[in-house]
PDB file of all heavy atoms in Angstrom:
ATOM      1  N   LEU A   1       0.824  -1.206  -0.001  1.00  0.00           N
ATOM      2  CA  LEU A   1       0.002   0.000   0.001  1.00  0.00           C
ATOM      3  C   LEU A   1       0.855   1.258  -0.001  1.00  0.00           C
ATOM      4  O   LEU A   1       0.520   2.250  -0.670  1.00  0.00           O
ATOM      5  CB  LEU A   1      -0.925   0.010   1.211  1.00  0.00           C
ATOM      6  CG  LEU A   1      -2.136  -0.923   1.160  1.00  0.00           C
ATOM      7  CD1 LEU A   1      -2.877  -0.919   2.491  1.00  0.00           C
ATOM      8  CD2 LEU A   1      -3.079  -0.528   0.030  1.00  0.00           C
ATOM      9  N   GLN A   2       1.945   1.240   0.730  1.00  0.00           N
ATOM     10  CA  GLN A   2       2.807   2.421   0.754  1.00  0.00           C
ATOM     11  C   GLN A   2       3.450   2.656  -0.602  1.00  0.00           C
ATOM     12  O   GLN A   2       3.586   3.801  -1.060  1.00  0.00           O
ATOM     13  CB  GLN A   2       3.887   2.266   1.829  1.00  0.00           C
ATOM     14  CG  GLN A   2       4.727   3.513   2.036  1.00  0.00           C
ATOM     15  CD  GLN A   2       3.882   4.730   2.391  1.00  0.00           C
ATOM     16  OE1 GLN A   2       3.136   4.717   3.356  1.00  0.00           O
ATOM     17  NE2 GLN A   2       3.992   5.788   1.617  1.00  0.00           N
ATOM     18  N   MET A   3       3.841   1.587  -1.292  1.00  0.00           N
ATOM     19  CA  MET A   3       4.408   1.747  -2.630  1.00  0.00           C
ATOM     20  C   MET A   3       3.360   2.236  -3.618  1.00  0.00           C
ATOM     21  O   MET A   3       3.631   3.096  -4.470  1.00  0.00           O
ATOM     22  CB  MET A   3       5.030   0.423  -3.091  1.00  0.00           C
ATOM     23  CG  MET A   3       6.338   0.101  -2.402  1.00  0.00           C
ATOM     24  SD  MET A   3       7.174  -1.337  -3.084  1.00  0.00           S
ATOM     25  CE  MET A   3       6.195  -2.656  -2.369  1.00  0.00           C
ATOM     26  N   ILE A   4       2.143   1.712  -3.515  1.00  0.00           N
ATOM     27  CA  ILE A   4       1.049   2.186  -4.375  1.00  0.00           C
ATOM     28  C   ILE A   4       0.790   3.673  -4.127  1.00  0.00           C
ATOM     29  O   ILE A   4       0.599   4.463  -5.065  1.00  0.00           O
ATOM     30  CB  ILE A   4      -0.222   1.353  -4.126  1.00  0.00           C
ATOM     31  CG1 ILE A   4      -0.033  -0.074  -4.656  1.00  0.00           C
ATOM     32  CG2 ILE A   4      -1.427   1.999  -4.792  1.00  0.00           C
ATOM     33  CD1 ILE A   4      -1.169  -1.003  -4.319  1.00  0.00           C
ATOM     34  N   SER A   5       0.778   4.066  -2.851  1.00  0.00           N
ATOM     35  CA  SER A   5       0.545   5.464  -2.501  1.00  0.00           C
ATOM     36  C   SER A   5       1.624   6.365  -3.101  1.00  0.00           C
ATOM     37  O   SER A   5       1.327   7.419  -3.680  1.00  0.00           O
ATOM     38  CB  SER A   5       0.496   5.621  -0.979  1.00  0.00           C
ATOM     39  OG  SER A   5       0.388   6.968  -0.609  1.00  0.00           O
ATOM     40  N   SER A   6       2.892   5.956  -2.984  1.00  0.00           N
ATOM     41  CA  SER A   6       3.988   6.777  -3.528  1.00  0.00           C
ATOM     42  C   SER A   6       3.888   6.898  -5.036  1.00  0.00           C
ATOM     43  O   SER A   6       4.056   7.990  -5.595  1.00  0.00           O
ATOM     44  CB  SER A   6       5.336   6.169  -3.121  1.00  0.00           C
ATOM     45  OG  SER A   6       5.506   6.167  -1.714  1.00  0.00           O
ATOM     46  N   LEU A   7       3.611   5.802  -5.721  1.00  0.00           N
ATOM     47  CA  LEU A   7       3.515   5.827  -7.183  1.00  0.00           C
ATOM     48  C   LEU A   7       2.361   6.711  -7.641  1.00  0.00           C
ATOM     49  O   LEU A   7       2.504   7.514  -8.572  1.00  0.00           O
ATOM     50  CB  LEU A   7       3.356   4.409  -7.724  1.00  0.00           C
ATOM     51  CG  LEU A   7       4.591   3.497  -7.610  1.00  0.00           C
ATOM     52  CD1 LEU A   7       4.223   2.065  -7.973  1.00  0.00           C
ATOM     53  CD2 LEU A   7       5.706   3.989  -8.522  1.00  0.00           C
ATOM     54  N   LEU A   8       1.201   6.558  -7.001  1.00  0.00           N
ATOM     55  CA  LEU A   8       0.041   7.339  -7.415  1.00  0.00           C
ATOM     56  C   LEU A   8       0.223   8.827  -7.109  1.00  0.00           C
ATOM     57  O   LEU A   8      -0.108   9.702  -7.941  1.00  0.00           O
ATOM     58  CB  LEU A   8      -1.218   6.817  -6.713  1.00  0.00           C
ATOM     59  CG  LEU A   8      -1.753   5.471  -7.193  1.00  0.00           C
ATOM     60  CD1 LEU A   8      -2.970   5.055  -6.367  1.00  0.00           C
ATOM     61  CD2 LEU A   8      -2.125   5.523  -8.667  1.00  0.00           C
ATOM     62  N   LYS A   9       0.761   9.135  -5.936  1.00  0.00           N
ATOM     63  CA  LYS A   9       0.938  10.541  -5.566  1.00  0.00           C
ATOM     64  C   LYS A   9       1.933  11.241  -6.497  1.00  0.00           C
ATOM     65  O   LYS A   9       1.704  12.393  -6.896  1.00  0.00           O
ATOM     66  CB  LYS A   9       1.372  10.664  -4.110  1.00  0.00           C
ATOM     67  CG  LYS A   9       0.265  10.388  -3.121  1.00  0.00           C
ATOM     68  CD  LYS A   9       0.578  10.896  -1.715  1.00  0.00           C
ATOM     69  CE  LYS A   9       1.711  10.154  -1.080  1.00  0.00           C
ATOM     70  NZ  LYS A   9       1.890  10.520   0.346  1.00  0.00           N
ATOM     71  N   MET A  10       3.008  10.561  -6.860  1.00  0.00           N
ATOM     72  CA  MET A  10       3.978  11.186  -7.750  1.00  0.00           C
ATOM     73  C   MET A  10       3.422  11.309  -9.168  1.00  0.00           C
ATOM     74  O   MET A  10       3.711  12.290  -9.871  1.00  0.00           O
ATOM     75  CB  MET A  10       5.269  10.372  -7.760  1.00  0.00           C
ATOM     76  CG  MET A  10       6.095  10.536  -6.501  1.00  0.00           C
ATOM     77  SD  MET A  10       6.440  12.264  -6.082  1.00  0.00           S
ATOM     78  CE  MET A  10       7.289  12.819  -7.562  1.00  0.00           C
ATOM     79  N   THR A  11       2.624  10.344  -9.607  1.00  0.00           N
ATOM     80  CA  THR A  11       1.998  10.466 -10.927  1.00  0.00           C
ATOM     81  C   THR A  11       1.061  11.664 -10.984  1.00  0.00           C
ATOM     82  O   THR A  11       1.076  12.448 -11.940  1.00  0.00           O
ATOM     83  CB  THR A  11       1.225   9.171 -11.262  1.00  0.00           C
ATOM     84  OG1 THR A  11       2.126   8.060 -11.239  1.00  0.00           O
ATOM     85  CG2 THR A  11       0.585   9.267 -12.637  1.00  0.00           C
ATOM     86  N   ILE A  12       0.246  11.828  -9.945  1.00  0.00           N
ATOM     87  CA  ILE A  12      -0.676  12.968  -9.891  1.00  0.00           C
ATOM     88  C   ILE A  12       0.108  14.267  -9.764  1.00  0.00           C
ATOM     89  O   ILE A  12      -0.238  15.292 -10.384  1.00  0.00           O
ATOM     90  CB  ILE A  12      -1.653  12.800  -8.719  1.00  0.00           C
ATOM     91  CG1 ILE A  12      -2.506  11.541  -8.912  1.00  0.00           C
ATOM     92  CG2 ILE A  12      -2.544  14.025  -8.568  1.00  0.00           C
ATOM     93  CD1 ILE A  12      -3.336  11.161  -7.700  1.00  0.00           C
ATOM     94  N   PHE A  13       1.187  14.246  -8.976  1.00  0.00           N
ATOM     95  CA  PHE A  13       1.987  15.454  -8.810  1.00  0.00           C
ATOM     96  C   PHE A  13       2.577  15.914 -10.142  1.00  0.00           C
ATOM     97  O   PHE A  13       2.552  17.110 -10.465  1.00  0.00           O
ATOM     98  CB  PHE A  13       3.103  15.214  -7.800  1.00  0.00           C
ATOM     99  CG  PHE A  13       4.061  16.359  -7.651  1.00  0.00           C
ATOM    100  CD1 PHE A  13       3.751  17.433  -6.836  1.00  0.00           C
ATOM    101  CD2 PHE A  13       5.264  16.378  -8.345  1.00  0.00           C
ATOM    102  CE1 PHE A  13       4.620  18.509  -6.706  1.00  0.00           C
ATOM    103  CE2 PHE A  13       6.133  17.448  -8.223  1.00  0.00           C
ATOM    104  CZ  PHE A  13       5.815  18.504  -7.403  1.00  0.00           C
ATOM    105  N   LEU A  14       3.105  14.984 -10.926  1.00  0.00           N
ATOM    106  CA  LEU A  14       3.675  15.360 -12.220  1.00  0.00           C
ATOM    107  C   LEU A  14       2.594  15.886 -13.158  1.00  0.00           C
ATOM    108  O   LEU A  14       2.831  16.825 -13.931  1.00  0.00           O
ATOM    109  CB  LEU A  14       4.381  14.150 -12.848  1.00  0.00           C
ATOM    110  CG  LEU A  14       5.697  13.732 -12.201  1.00  0.00           C
ATOM    111  CD1 LEU A  14       6.248  12.487 -12.877  1.00  0.00           C
ATOM    112  CD2 LEU A  14       6.720  14.863 -12.272  1.00  0.00           C
ATOM    113  N   ALA A  15       1.396  15.286 -13.095  1.00  0.00           N
ATOM    114  CA  ALA A  15       0.310  15.749 -13.961  1.00  0.00           C
ATOM    115  C   ALA A  15      -0.164  17.143 -13.569  1.00  0.00           C
ATOM    116  O   ALA A  15      -0.587  17.932 -14.433  1.00  0.00           O
ATOM    117  CB  ALA A  15      -0.850  14.761 -13.903  1.00  0.00           C
ATOM    118  N   LYS A  16      -0.090  17.479 -12.262  1.00  0.00           N
ATOM    119  CA  LYS A  16      -0.574  18.769 -11.765  1.00  0.00           C
ATOM    120  C   LYS A  16       0.578  19.734 -11.480  1.00  0.00           C
ATOM    121  O   LYS A  16       0.343  20.782 -10.840  1.00  0.00           O
ATOM    122  CB  LYS A  16      -1.357  18.556 -10.466  1.00  0.00           C
ATOM    123  CG  LYS A  16      -2.581  17.670 -10.598  1.00  0.00           C
ATOM    124  CD  LYS A  16      -3.753  18.408 -11.165  1.00  0.00           C
ATOM    125  CE  LYS A  16      -5.015  17.582 -11.091  1.00  0.00           C
ATOM    126  NZ  LYS A  16      -6.190  18.321 -11.610  1.00  0.00           N
ATOM    127  N   SER A  17       1.783  19.429 -11.927  1.00  0.00           N
ATOM    128  CA  SER A  17       2.947  20.224 -11.534  1.00  0.00           C
ATOM    129  C   SER A  17       2.837  21.678 -11.981  1.00  0.00           C
ATOM    130  O   SER A  17       3.253  22.592 -11.261  1.00  0.00           O
ATOM    131  CB  SER A  17       4.224  19.592 -12.089  1.00  0.00           C
ATOM    132  OG  SER A  17       4.151  19.496 -13.511  1.00  0.00           O
ATOM    133  N   GLY A  18       2.276  21.918 -13.176  1.00  0.00           N
ATOM    134  CA  GLY A  18       2.135  23.303 -13.638  1.00  0.00           C
ATOM    135  C   GLY A  18       1.266  24.134 -12.715  1.00  0.00           C
ATOM    136  O   GLY A  18       1.607  25.269 -12.365  1.00  0.00           O
ATOM    137  N   ASP A  19       0.122  23.572 -12.307  1.00  0.00           N
ATOM    138  CA  ASP A  19      -0.766  24.294 -11.394  1.00  0.00           C
ATOM    139  C   ASP A  19      -0.120  24.502 -10.039  1.00  0.00           C
ATOM    140  O   ASP A  19      -0.288  25.566  -9.409  1.00  0.00           O
ATOM    141  CB  ASP A  19      -2.078  23.516 -11.224  1.00  0.00           C
ATOM    142  CG  ASP A  19      -2.872  23.428 -12.512  1.00  0.00           C
ATOM    143  OD1 ASP A  19      -2.699  24.315 -13.373  1.00  0.00           O
ATOM    144  OD2 ASP A  19      -3.649  22.475 -12.671  1.00  0.00           O
ATOM    145  N   LEU A  20       0.633  23.510  -9.562  1.00  0.00           N
ATOM    146  CA  LEU A  20       1.261  23.627  -8.241  1.00  0.00           C
ATOM    147  C   LEU A  20       2.366  24.678  -8.242  1.00  0.00           C
ATOM    148  O   LEU A  20       2.521  25.423  -7.260  1.00  0.00           O
ATOM    149  CB  LEU A  20       1.811  22.266  -7.817  1.00  0.00           C
ATOM    150  CG  LEU A  20       0.759  21.187  -7.553  1.00  0.00           C
ATOM    151  CD1 LEU A  20       1.419  19.838  -7.299  1.00  0.00           C
ATOM    152  CD2 LEU A  20      -0.113  21.570  -6.360  1.00  0.00           C
ATOM    153  N   ILE A  21       3.129  24.756  -9.329  1.00  0.00           N
ATOM    154  CA  ILE A  21       4.169  25.787  -9.412  1.00  0.00           C
ATOM    155  C   ILE A  21       3.536  27.176  -9.396  1.00  0.00           C
ATOM    156  O   ILE A  21       4.014  28.101  -8.739  1.00  0.00           O
ATOM    157  CB  ILE A  21       5.012  25.589 -10.678  1.00  0.00           C
ATOM    158  CG1 ILE A  21       5.835  24.290 -10.583  1.00  0.00           C
ATOM    159  CG2 ILE A  21       5.952  26.765 -10.901  1.00  0.00           C
ATOM    160  CD1 ILE A  21       6.838  24.266  -9.465  1.00  0.00           C
ATOM    161  N   ALA A  22       2.438  27.329 -10.138  1.00  0.00           N
ATOM    162  CA  ALA A  22       1.735  28.617 -10.134  1.00  0.00           C
ATOM    163  C   ALA A  22       1.186  28.957  -8.749  1.00  0.00           C
ATOM    164  O   ALA A  22       1.215  30.127  -8.330  1.00  0.00           O
ATOM    165  CB  ALA A  22       0.605  28.588 -11.167  1.00  0.00           C
ATOM    166  N   LEU A  23       0.709  27.948  -8.028  1.00  0.00           N
ATOM    167  CA  LEU A  23       0.208  28.182  -6.679  1.00  0.00           C
ATOM    168  C   LEU A  23       1.313  28.624  -5.730  1.00  0.00           C
ATOM    169  O   LEU A  23       1.091  29.478  -4.861  1.00  0.00           O
ATOM    170  CB  LEU A  23      -0.466  26.916  -6.144  1.00  0.00           C
ATOM    171  CG  LEU A  23      -1.904  26.671  -6.572  1.00  0.00           C
ATOM    172  CD1 LEU A  23      -2.374  25.305  -6.088  1.00  0.00           C
ATOM    173  CD2 LEU A  23      -2.808  27.754  -6.009  1.00  0.00           C
ATOM    174  N   ILE A  24       2.487  28.046  -5.880  1.00  0.00           N
ATOM    175  CA  ILE A  24       3.619  28.467  -5.049  1.00  0.00           C
ATOM    176  C   ILE A  24       3.905  29.947  -5.270  1.00  0.00           C
ATOM    177  O   ILE A  24       4.121  30.715  -4.325  1.00  0.00           O
ATOM    178  CB  ILE A  24       4.869  27.614  -5.377  1.00  0.00           C
ATOM    179  CG1 ILE A  24       4.672  26.168  -4.911  1.00  0.00           C
ATOM    180  CG2 ILE A  24       6.113  28.197  -4.708  1.00  0.00           C
ATOM    181  CD1 ILE A  24       5.813  25.253  -5.285  1.00  0.00           C
ATOM    182  N   HIS A  25       3.869  30.349  -6.518  1.00  0.00           N
ATOM    183  CA  HIS A  25       4.135  31.759  -6.836  1.00  0.00           C
ATOM    184  C   HIS A  25       3.066  32.667  -6.244  1.00  0.00           C
ATOM    185  O   HIS A  25       3.360  33.763  -5.740  1.00  0.00           O
ATOM    186  CB  HIS A  25       4.188  31.926  -8.351  1.00  0.00           C
ATOM    187  CG  HIS A  25       4.264  33.359  -8.789  1.00  0.00           C
ATOM    188  ND1 HIS A  25       5.297  34.193  -8.445  1.00  0.00           N
ATOM    189  CD2 HIS A  25       3.414  34.106  -9.535  1.00  0.00           C
ATOM    190  CE1 HIS A  25       5.095  35.388  -8.964  1.00  0.00           C
ATOM    191  NE2 HIS A  25       3.950  35.364  -9.628  1.00  0.00           N
ATOM    192  N   GLN A  26       1.794  32.250  -6.285  1.00  0.00           N
ATOM    193  CA  GLN A  26       0.709  33.094  -5.812  1.00  0.00           C
ATOM    194  C   GLN A  26       0.598  33.108  -4.289  1.00  0.00           C
ATOM    195  O   GLN A  26       0.171  34.113  -3.708  1.00  0.00           O
ATOM    196  CB  GLN A  26      -0.622  32.615  -6.406  1.00  0.00           C
ATOM    197  CG  GLN A  26      -0.701  32.790  -7.910  1.00  0.00           C
ATOM    198  CD  GLN A  26      -2.001  32.291  -8.488  1.00  0.00           C
ATOM    199  OE1 GLN A  26      -2.930  31.983  -7.747  1.00  0.00           O
ATOM    200  NE2 GLN A  26      -2.062  32.177  -9.795  1.00  0.00           N
ATOM    201  N   LEU A  27       0.963  32.001  -3.659  1.00  0.00           N
ATOM    202  CA  LEU A  27       0.822  31.934  -2.208  1.00  0.00           C
ATOM    203  C   LEU A  27       1.929  32.662  -1.471  1.00  0.00           C
ATOM    204  O   LEU A  27       1.751  33.094  -0.334  1.00  0.00           O
ATOM    205  CB  LEU A  27       0.805  30.473  -1.748  1.00  0.00           C
ATOM    206  CG  LEU A  27      -0.523  29.887  -1.292  1.00  0.00           C
ATOM    207  CD1 LEU A  27      -0.322  28.468  -0.802  1.00  0.00           C
ATOM    208  CD2 LEU A  27      -1.137  30.709  -0.196  1.00  0.00           C
ATOM    209  N   GLN A  28       3.098  32.762  -2.090  1.00  0.00           N
ATOM    210  CA  GLN A  28       4.243  33.309  -1.394  1.00  0.00           C
ATOM    211  C   GLN A  28       4.140  34.825  -1.312  1.00  0.00           C
ATOM    212  O   GLN A  28       4.326  35.544  -2.268  1.00  0.00           O
ATOM    213  CB  GLN A  28       5.538  32.923  -2.117  1.00  0.00           C
ATOM    214  CG  GLN A  28       6.803  33.410  -1.428  1.00  0.00           C
ATOM    215  CD  GLN A  28       7.043  32.666  -0.131  1.00  0.00           C
ATOM    216  OE1 GLN A  28       6.646  31.530  -0.011  1.00  0.00           O
ATOM    217  NE2 GLN A  28       7.705  33.310   0.805  1.00  0.00           N
TER     218      GLN A  28
END
């Protein structure tokens, strides 16, 4: 389960990376 969680979270993170980078810029 921990390996599944890591794989899924990183896959979603890469797919949403553009939005997350923009959020970092706006939140700071």
